[in-house]
C-alpha cells in the first residue's frame, strides 16, 4: 500500500475514534462529572495501551528495541498534549465558554504546521496550506453556534485599561492567554509525537508512555485523589463504564494518529484528526436528538471543511 494512503487511512481512523469518544463522553457526562471522567479515561488509556503493548511484543517478529531519545519525545508529548493541553483547554472553557474555547483547539493545526516547519523541516505545498486554512475556517463554522463570539457588554464595561499592568491582568483574566496556552501545548505535543515516531517507530509504546506521563503529572500536581476515588466508586457505574470505553477509544486513536505521522506530514495528520465535528454533529442529530446546531452555517462549514481536506490530500 502507498505510504501516503496508509498514513491518511490511519489519520481518518483516529478521527472516527476521537469523534466516537466525544459522543460517548457527552452521554457519560450526564451520569458522572468530567473531572472524574478525565481520571478514569487517562487511567484506562494507560491500562489498555499496556495490554496492547504486551500483545504486540509477544507476537512481533522483530525484537523490541528501547530508544531513550524516542522515549523522551513521547513522554514530553504526553506531558504537553495529554496533560497541559487538556488543563489549559478546560481553563479556557471556564473563562470563555465552550464555543469560544473551541476556536483555540480548532486553530491548533495552523500552529502545528508552523512549528513542524521550523522544528522538523516539513515542507508543505501551497495547495496543502490552502487546504489547512479552508479546513480550519470550515470547522469554525461547524463548531461555533451563531452569536457565540459576540463580546459581552458587561465584560467590555468592566475591563480596566488604566495602566499596562492592569491591561495585562485583564488580558490574562479574559481567558485569551489560557486559550493560547492550550493551542500551543497541543501543537507542541503533536510535533513532539511526529519527531518521536520518526526516531523510534513504536506508536503503541509511545502512546502508553504519553498516557503514563499525563497520569503521573495529574497525581503529582493534583489533589484530593482519595476523595475522587471514593466518588468514582460510589458513582453511577454505567457512567464509569462509558468513560472507560472513552479511554479505550482515545488511546486507540492516539496510536493510529502517531502511526500516521510516519507516513504523512504532522500538520496533515493533525488537521484530519481534528475533523471530528463532521462525524459528531450528524450522530448527535440522529441518535442524541441534538438538533440545535444543524443549520445553514453548519452545512456550509461542513462543505468548506471537506473541500479543505480534499485540497490537503491532493496537495
C-alpha atoms as a PDB file:
ATOM      1  CA  UNK A   1       0.000   0.000   0.000  1.00  0.00           C
ATOM      2  CA  UNK A   2       1.190   3.515  -0.804  1.00  0.00           C
ATOM      3  CA  UNK A   3       2.687   5.134   2.301  1.00  0.00           C
ATOM      4  CA  UNK A   4       0.708   8.376   1.945  1.00  0.00           C
ATOM      5  CA  UNK A   5      -2.541   6.411   1.587  1.00  0.00           C
ATOM      6  CA  UNK A   6      -1.671   4.319   4.653  1.00  0.00           C
ATOM      7  CA  UNK A   7      -0.941   7.430   6.705  1.00  0.00           C
ATOM      8  CA  UNK A   8      -4.177   9.047   5.550  1.00  0.00           C
ATOM      9  CA  UNK A   9      -6.248   5.980   6.448  1.00  0.00           C
ATOM     10  CA  UNK A  10      -4.642   5.840   9.897  1.00  0.00           C
ATOM     11  CA  UNK A  11      -5.406   9.544  10.457  1.00  0.00           C
ATOM     12  CA  UNK A  12      -9.044   9.060   9.378  1.00  0.00           C
ATOM     13  CA  UNK A  13      -9.349   6.036  11.707  1.00  0.00           C
ATOM     14  CA  UNK A  14      -8.053   8.222  14.542  1.00  0.00           C
ATOM     15  CA  UNK A  15     -10.576  10.928  13.653  1.00  0.00           C
ATOM     16  CA  UNK A  16     -13.506   8.475  13.766  1.00  0.00           C
ATOM     17  CA  UNK A  17     -12.409   7.153  17.171  1.00  0.00           C
ATOM     18  CA  UNK A  18     -11.896  10.662  18.576  1.00  0.00           C
ATOM     19  CA  UNK A  19     -15.366  11.594  17.289  1.00  0.00           C
ATOM     20  CA  UNK A  20     -16.897   8.477  18.852  1.00  0.00           C
ATOM     21  CA  UNK A  21     -15.310   9.446  22.163  1.00  0.00           C
ATOM     22  CA  UNK A  22     -16.975  12.871  22.009  1.00  0.00           C
ATOM     23  CA  UNK A  23     -20.399  11.214  21.710  1.00  0.00           C
ATOM     24  CA  UNK A  24     -19.589   8.696  24.461  1.00  0.00           C
ATOM     25  CA  UNK A  25     -18.343  11.469  26.758  1.00  0.00           C
ATOM     26  CA  UNK A  26     -21.460  13.536  26.094  1.00  0.00           C
ATOM     27  CA  UNK A  27     -23.632  10.633  27.281  1.00  0.00           C
ATOM     28  CA  UNK A  28     -21.322   9.790  30.205  1.00  0.00           C
ATOM     29  CA  UNK A  29     -21.176  13.391  31.474  1.00  0.00           C
ATOM     30  CA  UNK A  30     -24.875  13.251  32.345  1.00  0.00           C
ATOM     31  CA  UNK A  31     -24.082  10.439  34.798  1.00  0.00           C
ATOM     32  CA  UNK A  32     -20.637  11.455  36.137  1.00  0.00           C
ATOM     33  CA  UNK A  33     -18.753  14.771  36.053  1.00  0.00           C
ATOM     34  CA  UNK A  34     -15.921  15.266  33.574  1.00  0.00           C
ATOM     35  CA  UNK A  35     -13.269  15.730  36.294  1.00  0.00           C
ATOM     36  CA  UNK A  36     -13.756  12.159  37.449  1.00  0.00           C
ATOM     37  CA  UNK A  37     -14.185  11.107  33.836  1.00  0.00           C
ATOM     38  CA  UNK A  38     -10.800  12.568  32.912  1.00  0.00           C
ATOM     39  CA  UNK A  39      -9.048  10.460  35.556  1.00  0.00           C
ATOM     40  CA  UNK A  40     -10.909   7.305  34.502  1.00  0.00           C
ATOM     41  CA  UNK A  41     -10.120   7.954  30.861  1.00  0.00           C
ATOM     42  CA  UNK A  42      -6.387   8.543  31.381  1.00  0.00           C
ATOM     43  CA  UNK A  43      -6.107   5.535  33.709  1.00  0.00           C
ATOM     44  CA  UNK A  44      -7.776   3.302  31.103  1.00  0.00           C
ATOM     45  CA  UNK A  45      -5.525   4.903  28.450  1.00  0.00           C
ATOM     46  CA  UNK A  46      -2.539   3.505  30.308  1.00  0.00           C
ATOM     47  CA  UNK A  47      -4.036   0.071  31.067  1.00  0.00           C
ATOM     48  CA  UNK A  48      -5.278  -0.553  27.520  1.00  0.00           C
ATOM     49  CA  UNK A  49      -2.046   0.676  25.937  1.00  0.00           C
ATOM     50  CA  UNK A  50      -0.072  -1.626  28.265  1.00  0.00           C
ATOM     51  CA  UNK A  51      -2.311  -4.552  27.245  1.00  0.00           C
ATOM     52  CA  UNK A  52      -1.860  -3.860  23.526  1.00  0.00           C
ATOM     53  CA  UNK A  53       1.865  -3.345  24.047  1.00  0.00           C
ATOM     54  CA  UNK A  54       2.190  -6.718  25.805  1.00  0.00           C
ATOM     55  CA  UNK A  55       0.320  -8.491  22.996  1.00  0.00           C
ATOM     56  CA  UNK A  56       2.388  -6.730  20.351  1.00  0.00           C
ATOM     57  CA  UNK A  57       5.726  -7.549  21.976  1.00  0.00           C
ATOM     58  CA  UNK A  58       4.701 -11.186  22.405  1.00  0.00           C
ATOM     59  CA  UNK A  59       3.663 -11.634  18.765  1.00  0.00           C
ATOM     60  CA  UNK A  60       6.128  -9.497  16.796  1.00  0.00           C
ATOM     61  CA  UNK A  61       8.923 -10.955  14.697  1.00  0.00           C
ATOM     62  CA  UNK A  62      11.384  -8.124  15.297  1.00  0.00           C
ATOM     63  CA  UNK A  63      12.667  -7.780  18.899  1.00  0.00           C
ATOM     64  CA  UNK A  64      11.546  -4.719  20.804  1.00  0.00           C
ATOM     65  CA  UNK A  65      14.285  -2.084  20.928  1.00  0.00           C
ATOM     66  CA  UNK A  66      14.350   0.623  23.604  1.00  0.00           C
ATOM     67  CA  UNK A  67      15.367   4.071  22.344  1.00  0.00           C
ATOM     68  CA  UNK A  68      15.839   6.726  25.015  1.00  0.00           C
ATOM     69  CA  UNK A  69      15.570   9.617  22.558  1.00  0.00           C
ATOM     70  CA  UNK A  70      12.203   8.380  21.281  1.00  0.00           C
ATOM     71  CA  UNK A  71      11.060   7.646  24.831  1.00  0.00           C
ATOM     72  CA  UNK A  72      11.924  11.186  25.877  1.00  0.00           C
ATOM     73  CA  UNK A  73       9.984  12.701  22.974  1.00  0.00           C
ATOM     74  CA  UNK A  74       6.910  10.587  23.699  1.00  0.00           C
ATOM     75  CA  UNK A  75       6.978  11.436  27.425  1.00  0.00           C
ATOM     76  CA  UNK A  76       7.248  15.163  26.648  1.00  0.00           C
ATOM     77  CA  UNK A  77       4.441  14.830  24.088  1.00  0.00           C
ATOM     78  CA  UNK A  78       2.182  13.243  26.707  1.00  0.00           C
ATOM     79  CA  UNK A  79       3.016  15.993  29.203  1.00  0.00           C
ATOM     80  CA  UNK A  80       2.278  18.714  26.619  1.00  0.00           C
ATOM     81  CA  UNK A  81      -0.773  17.390  24.782  1.00  0.00           C
ATOM     82  CA  UNK A  82      -2.488  14.900  27.097  1.00  0.00           C
ATOM     83  CA  UNK A  83      -1.955  16.834  30.341  1.00  0.00           C
ATOM     84  CA  UNK A  84      -1.145  20.523  29.733  1.00  0.00           C
ATOM     85  CA  UNK A  85      -3.287  20.784  26.607  1.00  0.00           C
ATOM     86  CA  UNK A  86      -6.383  19.491  28.405  1.00  0.00           C
ATOM     87  CA  UNK A  87      -5.627  21.546  31.533  1.00  0.00           C
ATOM     88  CA  UNK A  88      -5.352  24.788  29.575  1.00  0.00           C
ATOM     89  CA  UNK A  89      -8.352  23.894  27.418  1.00  0.00           C
ATOM     90  CA  UNK A  90     -10.577  23.243  30.442  1.00  0.00           C
ATOM     91  CA  UNK A  91      -9.394  26.581  31.866  1.00  0.00           C
ATOM     92  CA  UNK A  92     -10.303  28.321  28.610  1.00  0.00           C
ATOM     93  CA  UNK A  93     -13.768  26.743  28.695  1.00  0.00           C
ATOM     94  CA  UNK A  94     -14.267  28.032  32.261  1.00  0.00           C
ATOM     95  CA  UNK A  95     -13.277  31.594  31.261  1.00  0.00           C
ATOM     96  CA  UNK A  96     -14.585  31.855  27.701  1.00  0.00           C
ATOM     97  CA  UNK A  97     -17.264  29.208  27.357  1.00  0.00           C
ATOM     98  CA  UNK A  98     -17.132  26.060  25.234  1.00  0.00           C
ATOM     99  CA  UNK A  99     -17.800  27.747  21.870  1.00  0.00           C
ATOM    100  CA  UNK A 100     -15.088  30.389  22.115  1.00  0.00           C
ATOM    101  CA  UNK A 101     -12.615  27.965  23.683  1.00  0.00           C
ATOM    102  CA  UNK A 102     -13.153  25.540  20.804  1.00  0.00           C
ATOM    103  CA  UNK A 103     -11.695  28.124  18.413  1.00  0.00           C
ATOM    104  CA  UNK A 104      -8.295  27.744  20.054  1.00  0.00           C
ATOM    105  CA  UNK A 105      -8.442  23.959  19.711  1.00  0.00           C
ATOM    106  CA  UNK A 106      -9.550  24.178  16.083  1.00  0.00           C
ATOM    107  CA  UNK A 107      -6.750  26.593  15.208  1.00  0.00           C
ATOM    108  CA  UNK A 108      -4.032  24.260  16.550  1.00  0.00           C
ATOM    109  CA  UNK A 109      -3.257  22.665  13.120  1.00  0.00           C
ATOM    110  CA  UNK A 110      -2.027  26.026  11.835  1.00  0.00           C
ATOM    111  CA  UNK A 111       0.365  26.354  14.782  1.00  0.00           C
ATOM    112  CA  UNK A 112       1.342  22.693  14.366  1.00  0.00           C
ATOM    113  CA  UNK A 113       2.185  23.286  10.703  1.00  0.00           C
ATOM    114  CA  UNK A 114       4.365  26.291  11.559  1.00  0.00           C
ATOM    115  CA  UNK A 115       6.174  24.523  14.423  1.00  0.00           C
ATOM    116  CA  UNK A 116       6.669  21.366  12.311  1.00  0.00           C
ATOM    117  CA  UNK A 117       8.093  23.527   9.503  1.00  0.00           C
ATOM    118  CA  UNK A 118      10.560  25.118  11.920  1.00  0.00           C
ATOM    119  CA  UNK A 119      11.438  22.052  14.003  1.00  0.00           C
ATOM    120  CA  UNK A 120      11.080  19.139  11.570  1.00  0.00           C
ATOM    121  CA  UNK A 121      11.720  20.970   8.279  1.00  0.00           C
ATOM    122  CA  UNK A 122       8.367  19.763   6.934  1.00  0.00           C
ATOM    123  CA  UNK A 123       7.664  21.357   3.556  1.00  0.00           C
ATOM    124  CA  UNK A 124       4.019  21.776   2.587  1.00  0.00           C
ATOM    125  CA  UNK A 125       2.750  22.803  -0.834  1.00  0.00           C
ATOM    126  CA  UNK A 126       0.683  25.930  -1.388  1.00  0.00           C
ATOM    127  CA  UNK A 127      -2.364  23.738  -2.026  1.00  0.00           C
ATOM    128  CA  UNK A 128      -1.857  21.973   1.310  1.00  0.00           C
ATOM    129  CA  UNK A 129      -1.546  25.295   3.168  1.00  0.00           C
ATOM    130  CA  UNK A 130      -4.724  26.475   1.428  1.00  0.00           C
ATOM    131  CA  UNK A 131      -6.472  23.254   2.409  1.00  0.00           C
ATOM    132  CA  UNK A 132      -5.428  23.654   6.063  1.00  0.00           C
ATOM    133  CA  UNK A 133      -6.758  27.235   6.093  1.00  0.00           C
ATOM    134  CA  UNK A 134     -10.035  26.159   4.466  1.00  0.00           C
ATOM    135  CA  UNK A 135     -10.454  23.253   6.872  1.00  0.00           C
ATOM    136  CA  UNK A 136      -9.928  25.478   9.911  1.00  0.00           C
ATOM    137  CA  UNK A 137     -12.384  28.069   8.530  1.00  0.00           C
ATOM    138  CA  UNK A 138     -14.950  25.362   7.882  1.00  0.00           C
ATOM    139  CA  UNK A 139     -14.530  23.922  11.367  1.00  0.00           C
ATOM    140  CA  UNK A 140     -15.108  27.409  12.800  1.00  0.00           C
ATOM    141  CA  UNK A 141     -18.497  27.486  11.069  1.00  0.00           C
ATOM    142  CA  UNK A 142     -19.333  23.936  12.124  1.00  0.00           C
ATOM    143  CA  UNK A 143     -18.265  24.201  15.764  1.00  0.00           C
ATOM    144  CA  UNK A 144     -19.315  27.687  16.878  1.00  0.00           C
ATOM    145  CA  UNK A 145     -23.031  28.480  17.248  1.00  0.00           C
ATOM    146  CA  UNK A 146     -24.278  31.790  15.788  1.00  0.00           C
ATOM    147  CA  UNK A 147     -23.701  34.728  18.125  1.00  0.00           C
ATOM    148  CA  UNK A 148     -21.359  32.786  20.390  1.00  0.00           C
ATOM    149  CA  UNK A 149     -18.430  35.102  19.687  1.00  0.00           C
ATOM    150  CA  UNK A 150     -20.164  38.390  20.438  1.00  0.00           C
ATOM    151  CA  UNK A 151     -18.452  40.285  23.191  1.00  0.00           C
ATOM    152  CA  UNK A 152     -20.288  40.608  26.474  1.00  0.00           C
ATOM    153  CA  UNK A 153     -21.281  44.258  27.133  1.00  0.00           C
ATOM    154  CA  UNK A 154     -20.729  43.709  30.855  1.00  0.00           C
ATOM    155  CA  UNK A 155     -17.185  42.489  30.324  1.00  0.00           C
ATOM    156  CA  UNK A 156     -16.433  45.372  27.945  1.00  0.00           C
ATOM    157  CA  UNK A 157     -17.563  47.944  30.516  1.00  0.00           C
ATOM    158  CA  UNK A 158     -15.751  46.435  33.488  1.00  0.00           C
ATOM    159  CA  UNK A 159     -12.298  45.747  31.996  1.00  0.00           C
ATOM    160  CA  UNK A 160      -9.990  48.492  33.289  1.00  0.00           C
ATOM    161  CA  UNK A 161      -7.340  49.907  30.972  1.00  0.00           C
ATOM    162  CA  UNK A 162      -5.697  52.487  33.218  1.00  0.00           C
ATOM    163  CA  UNK A 163      -2.185  51.048  33.053  1.00  0.00           C
ATOM    164  CA  UNK A 164      -0.062  48.473  31.286  1.00  0.00           C
ATOM    165  CA  UNK A 165      -0.164  46.185  34.326  1.00  0.00           C
ATOM    166  CA  UNK A 166      -3.935  46.469  34.535  1.00  0.00           C
ATOM    167  CA  UNK A 167      -4.303  45.716  30.829  1.00  0.00           C
ATOM    168  CA  UNK A 168      -2.058  42.664  31.201  1.00  0.00           C
ATOM    169  CA  UNK A 169      -4.080  41.349  34.140  1.00  0.00           C
ATOM    170  CA  UNK A 170      -7.318  41.933  32.238  1.00  0.00           C
ATOM    171  CA  UNK A 171      -5.897  40.097  29.223  1.00  0.00           C
ATOM    172  CA  UNK A 172      -4.911  37.112  31.379  1.00  0.00           C
ATOM    173  CA  UNK A 173      -8.275  37.100  33.162  1.00  0.00           C
ATOM    174  CA  UNK A 174     -10.121  37.160  29.832  1.00  0.00           C
ATOM    175  CA  UNK A 175      -9.023  33.598  29.108  1.00  0.00           C
ATOM    176  CA  UNK A 176      -7.295  34.512  25.851  1.00  0.00           C
ATOM    177  CA  UNK A 177      -3.854  33.685  27.262  1.00  0.00           C
ATOM    178  CA  UNK A 178      -5.143  30.371  28.624  1.00  0.00           C
ATOM    179  CA  UNK A 179      -6.627  29.549  25.217  1.00  0.00           C
ATOM    180  CA  UNK A 180      -3.321  30.307  23.538  1.00  0.00           C
ATOM    181  CA  UNK A 181      -1.638  28.062  26.093  1.00  0.00           C
ATOM    182  CA  UNK A 182      -3.951  25.196  25.101  1.00  0.00           C
ATOM    183  CA  UNK A 183      -3.266  25.761  21.398  1.00  0.00           C
ATOM    184  CA  UNK A 184       0.485  25.900  21.936  1.00  0.00           C
ATOM    185  CA  UNK A 185       0.521  22.816  24.208  1.00  0.00           C
ATOM    186  CA  UNK A 186      -1.485  20.731  21.728  1.00  0.00           C
ATOM    187  CA  UNK A 187       0.635  21.914  18.808  1.00  0.00           C
ATOM    188  CA  UNK A 188       3.972  21.243  20.506  1.00  0.00           C
ATOM    189  CA  UNK A 189       2.704  17.858  21.697  1.00  0.00           C
ATOM    190  CA  UNK A 190       1.755  16.841  18.154  1.00  0.00           C
ATOM    191  CA  UNK A 191       5.121  17.935  16.753  1.00  0.00           C
ATOM    192  CA  UNK A 192       6.917  16.012  19.524  1.00  0.00           C
ATOM    193  CA  UNK A 193       4.912  12.902  18.604  1.00  0.00           C
ATOM    194  CA  UNK A 194       5.926  13.345  14.990  1.00  0.00           C
ATOM    195  CA  UNK A 195       9.593  13.647  15.962  1.00  0.00           C
ATOM    196  CA  UNK A 196       9.303  10.651  18.303  1.00  0.00           C
ATOM    197  CA  UNK A 197       7.702   8.251  15.827  1.00  0.00           C
ATOM    198  CA  UNK A 198      10.280   9.094  13.178  1.00  0.00           C
ATOM    199  CA  UNK A 199      13.151   8.435  15.558  1.00  0.00           C
ATOM    200  CA  UNK A 200      11.545   5.369  17.145  1.00  0.00           C
ATOM    201  CA  UNK A 201       8.624   3.752  15.315  1.00  0.00           C
ATOM    202  CA  UNK A 202       6.779   2.368  18.323  1.00  0.00           C
ATOM    203  CA  UNK A 203       3.339   4.044  18.289  1.00  0.00           C
ATOM    204  CA  UNK A 204       1.854   1.673  20.880  1.00  0.00           C
ATOM    205  CA  UNK A 205       4.725   2.064  23.342  1.00  0.00           C
ATOM    206  CA  UNK A 206       4.717   5.811  22.651  1.00  0.00           C
ATOM    207  CA  UNK A 207       1.013   6.162  23.391  1.00  0.00           C
ATOM    208  CA  UNK A 208       1.497   4.177  26.600  1.00  0.00           C
ATOM    209  CA  UNK A 209       4.382   6.411  27.709  1.00  0.00           C
ATOM    210  CA  UNK A 210       2.377   9.557  26.932  1.00  0.00           C
ATOM    211  CA  UNK A 211      -0.563   8.315  28.999  1.00  0.00           C
ATOM    212  CA  UNK A 212       1.791   7.403  31.841  1.00  0.00           C
ATOM    213  CA  UNK A 213       3.340  10.877  31.799  1.00  0.00           C
ATOM    214  CA  UNK A 214      -0.094  12.543  31.921  1.00  0.00           C
ATOM    215  CA  UNK A 215      -1.306  10.330  34.762  1.00  0.00           C
ATOM    216  CA  UNK A 216       1.853  10.871  36.824  1.00  0.00           C
ATOM    217  CA  UNK A 217       1.620  14.647  36.366  1.00  0.00           C
ATOM    218  CA  UNK A 218      -2.023  14.585  37.426  1.00  0.00           C
ATOM    219  CA  UNK A 219      -1.201  12.577  40.558  1.00  0.00           C
ATOM    220  CA  UNK A 220       1.760  14.808  41.471  1.00  0.00           C
ATOM    221  CA  UNK A 221       0.180  18.200  40.751  1.00  0.00           C
ATOM    222  CA  UNK A 222      -3.459  17.465  41.563  1.00  0.00           C
ATOM    223  CA  UNK A 223      -5.032  16.976  44.980  1.00  0.00           C
ATOM    224  CA  UNK A 224      -7.969  15.229  46.619  1.00  0.00           C
ATOM    225  CA  UNK A 225      -7.215  11.870  44.987  1.00  0.00           C
ATOM    226  CA  UNK A 226      -8.624   9.747  47.826  1.00  0.00           C
ATOM    227  CA  UNK A 227     -11.926  11.633  47.771  1.00  0.00           C
ATOM    228  CA  UNK A 228     -12.052  11.315  43.985  1.00  0.00           C
ATOM    229  CA  UNK A 229     -11.547   7.534  44.161  1.00  0.00           C
ATOM    230  CA  UNK A 230     -14.379   7.251  46.710  1.00  0.00           C
ATOM    231  CA  UNK A 231     -16.627   9.380  44.487  1.00  0.00           C
ATOM    232  CA  UNK A 232     -15.911   7.198  41.458  1.00  0.00           C
ATOM    233  CA  UNK A 233     -16.549   4.024  43.472  1.00  0.00           C
ATOM    234  CA  UNK A 234     -19.953   5.362  44.576  1.00  0.00           C
ATOM    235  CA  UNK A 235     -20.858   6.838  41.187  1.00  0.00           C
ATOM    236  CA  UNK A 236     -23.237   5.565  38.518  1.00  0.00           C
ATOM    237  CA  UNK A 237     -21.353   2.546  37.196  1.00  0.00           C
ATOM    238  CA  UNK A 238     -22.735   2.970  33.705  1.00  0.00           C
ATOM    239  CA  UNK A 239     -21.115   6.404  33.620  1.00  0.00           C
ATOM    240  CA  UNK A 240     -17.841   4.874  34.815  1.00  0.00           C
ATOM    241  CA  UNK A 241     -18.011   2.222  32.083  1.00  0.00           C
ATOM    242  CA  UNK A 242     -18.742   4.833  29.423  1.00  0.00           C
ATOM    243  CA  UNK A 243     -15.719   6.909  30.446  1.00  0.00           C
ATOM    244  CA  UNK A 244     -13.629   3.722  30.473  1.00  0.00           C
ATOM    245  CA  UNK A 245     -14.794   2.943  26.932  1.00  0.00           C
ATOM    246  CA  UNK A 246     -13.879   6.503  26.008  1.00  0.00           C
ATOM    247  CA  UNK A 247     -10.402   5.817  27.362  1.00  0.00           C
ATOM    248  CA  UNK A 248     -10.077   2.819  25.042  1.00  0.00           C
ATOM    249  CA  UNK A 249     -11.219   4.942  22.106  1.00  0.00           C
ATOM    250  CA  UNK A 250      -8.862   7.853  22.799  1.00  0.00           C
ATOM    251  CA  UNK A 251      -5.722   5.767  23.313  1.00  0.00           C
ATOM    252  CA  UNK A 252      -6.517   3.710  20.203  1.00  0.00           C
ATOM    253  CA  UNK A 253      -6.977   6.942  18.282  1.00  0.00           C
ATOM    254  CA  UNK A 254      -3.651   8.243  19.591  1.00  0.00           C
ATOM    255  CA  UNK A 255      -1.909   5.079  18.421  1.00  0.00           C
ATOM    256  CA  UNK A 256      -3.348   5.500  14.920  1.00  0.00           C
ATOM    257  CA  UNK A 257      -2.553   9.221  14.872  1.00  0.00           C
ATOM    258  CA  UNK A 258       1.040   8.674  15.974  1.00  0.00           C
ATOM    259  CA  UNK A 259       1.494   5.872  13.444  1.00  0.00           C
ATOM    260  CA  UNK A 260       0.141   8.087  10.649  1.00  0.00           C
ATOM    261  CA  UNK A 261       2.794  10.726  11.349  1.00  0.00           C
ATOM    262  CA  UNK A 262       5.495   8.443   9.998  1.00  0.00           C
ATOM    263  CA  UNK A 263       3.875   8.453   6.548  1.00  0.00           C
ATOM    264  CA  UNK A 264       2.286  11.895   6.195  1.00  0.00           C
ATOM    265  CA  UNK A 265       3.253  15.365   7.474  1.00  0.00           C
ATOM    266  CA  UNK A 266       2.405  16.075  11.115  1.00  0.00           C
ATOM    267  CA  UNK A 267       0.257  19.059  10.099  1.00  0.00           C
ATOM    268  CA  UNK A 268      -1.797  16.918   7.705  1.00  0.00           C
ATOM    269  CA  UNK A 269      -2.338  14.189  10.309  1.00  0.00           C
ATOM    270  CA  UNK A 270      -3.386  16.801  12.873  1.00  0.00           C
ATOM    271  CA  UNK A 271      -5.912  18.559  10.666  1.00  0.00           C
ATOM    272  CA  UNK A 272      -7.522  15.267   9.565  1.00  0.00           C
ATOM    273  CA  UNK A 273      -7.914  14.008  13.134  1.00  0.00           C
ATOM    274  CA  UNK A 274      -9.492  17.343  14.112  1.00  0.00           C
ATOM    275  CA  UNK A 275     -12.401  16.929  11.678  1.00  0.00           C
ATOM    276  CA  UNK A 276     -14.452  15.203  14.381  1.00  0.00           C
ATOM    277  CA  UNK A 277     -17.456  17.601  14.055  1.00  0.00           C
ATOM    278  CA  UNK A 278     -18.156  16.079  10.635  1.00  0.00           C
ATOM    279  CA  UNK A 279     -18.982  12.844  12.485  1.00  0.00           C
ATOM    280  CA  UNK A 280     -20.168  14.160  15.857  1.00  0.00           C
ATOM    281  CA  UNK A 281     -22.849  16.579  14.628  1.00  0.00           C
ATOM    282  CA  UNK A 282     -24.734  14.101  12.369  1.00  0.00           C
ATOM    283  CA  UNK A 283     -24.527  11.386  15.045  1.00  0.00           C
ATOM    284  CA  UNK A 284     -25.762  13.819  17.718  1.00  0.00           C
ATOM    285  CA  UNK A 285     -28.577  14.880  15.393  1.00  0.00           C
ATOM    286  CA  UNK A 286     -29.853  11.360  14.742  1.00  0.00           C
ATOM    287  CA  UNK A 287     -29.002   9.487  17.950  1.00  0.00           C
ATOM    288  CA  UNK A 288     -28.969  12.128  20.690  1.00  0.00           C
ATOM    289  CA  UNK A 289     -31.671  14.369  19.166  1.00  0.00           C
ATOM    290  CA  UNK A 290     -29.354  17.374  19.440  1.00  0.00           C
ATOM    291  CA  UNK A 291     -30.745  19.417  16.558  1.00  0.00           C
ATOM    292  CA  UNK A 292     -29.914  22.946  17.643  1.00  0.00           C
ATOM    293  CA  UNK A 293     -26.555  23.210  15.846  1.00  0.00           C
ATOM    294  CA  UNK A 294     -27.537  21.787  12.455  1.00  0.00           C
ATOM    295  CA  UNK A 295     -28.220  24.970  10.498  1.00  0.00           C
ATOM    296  CA  UNK A 296     -27.127  26.595   7.260  1.00  0.00           C
ATOM    297  CA  UNK A 297     -23.786  27.732   8.726  1.00  0.00           C
ATOM    298  CA  UNK A 298     -23.067  24.164   9.861  1.00  0.00           C
ATOM    299  CA  UNK A 299     -23.802  22.743   6.419  1.00  0.00           C
ATOM    300  CA  UNK A 300     -21.663  25.401   4.722  1.00  0.00           C
ATOM    301  CA  UNK A 301     -18.885  24.794   7.215  1.00  0.00           C
ATOM    302  CA  UNK A 302     -19.017  21.040   6.596  1.00  0.00           C
ATOM    303  CA  UNK A 303     -18.754  21.607   2.842  1.00  0.00           C
ATOM    304  CA  UNK A 304     -15.808  24.001   3.251  1.00  0.00           C
ATOM    305  CA  UNK A 305     -14.099  21.572   5.635  1.00  0.00           C
ATOM    306  CA  UNK A 306     -14.473  18.682   3.217  1.00  0.00           C
ATOM    307  CA  UNK A 307     -13.158  20.844   0.377  1.00  0.00           C
ATOM    308  CA  UNK A 308     -10.159  21.736   2.556  1.00  0.00           C
ATOM    309  CA  UNK A 309      -9.469  18.075   3.331  1.00  0.00           C
ATOM    310  CA  UNK A 310      -9.648  17.206  -0.370  1.00  0.00           C
ATOM    311  CA  UNK A 311      -7.177  20.009  -1.125  1.00  0.00           C
ATOM    312  CA  UNK A 312      -4.826  18.719   1.590  1.00  0.00           C
ATOM    313  CA  UNK A 313      -4.919  15.189   0.184  1.00  0.00           C
ATOM    314  CA  UNK A 314      -4.469  16.468  -3.371  1.00  0.00           C
ATOM    315  CA  UNK A 315      -1.528  18.641  -2.320  1.00  0.00           C
END
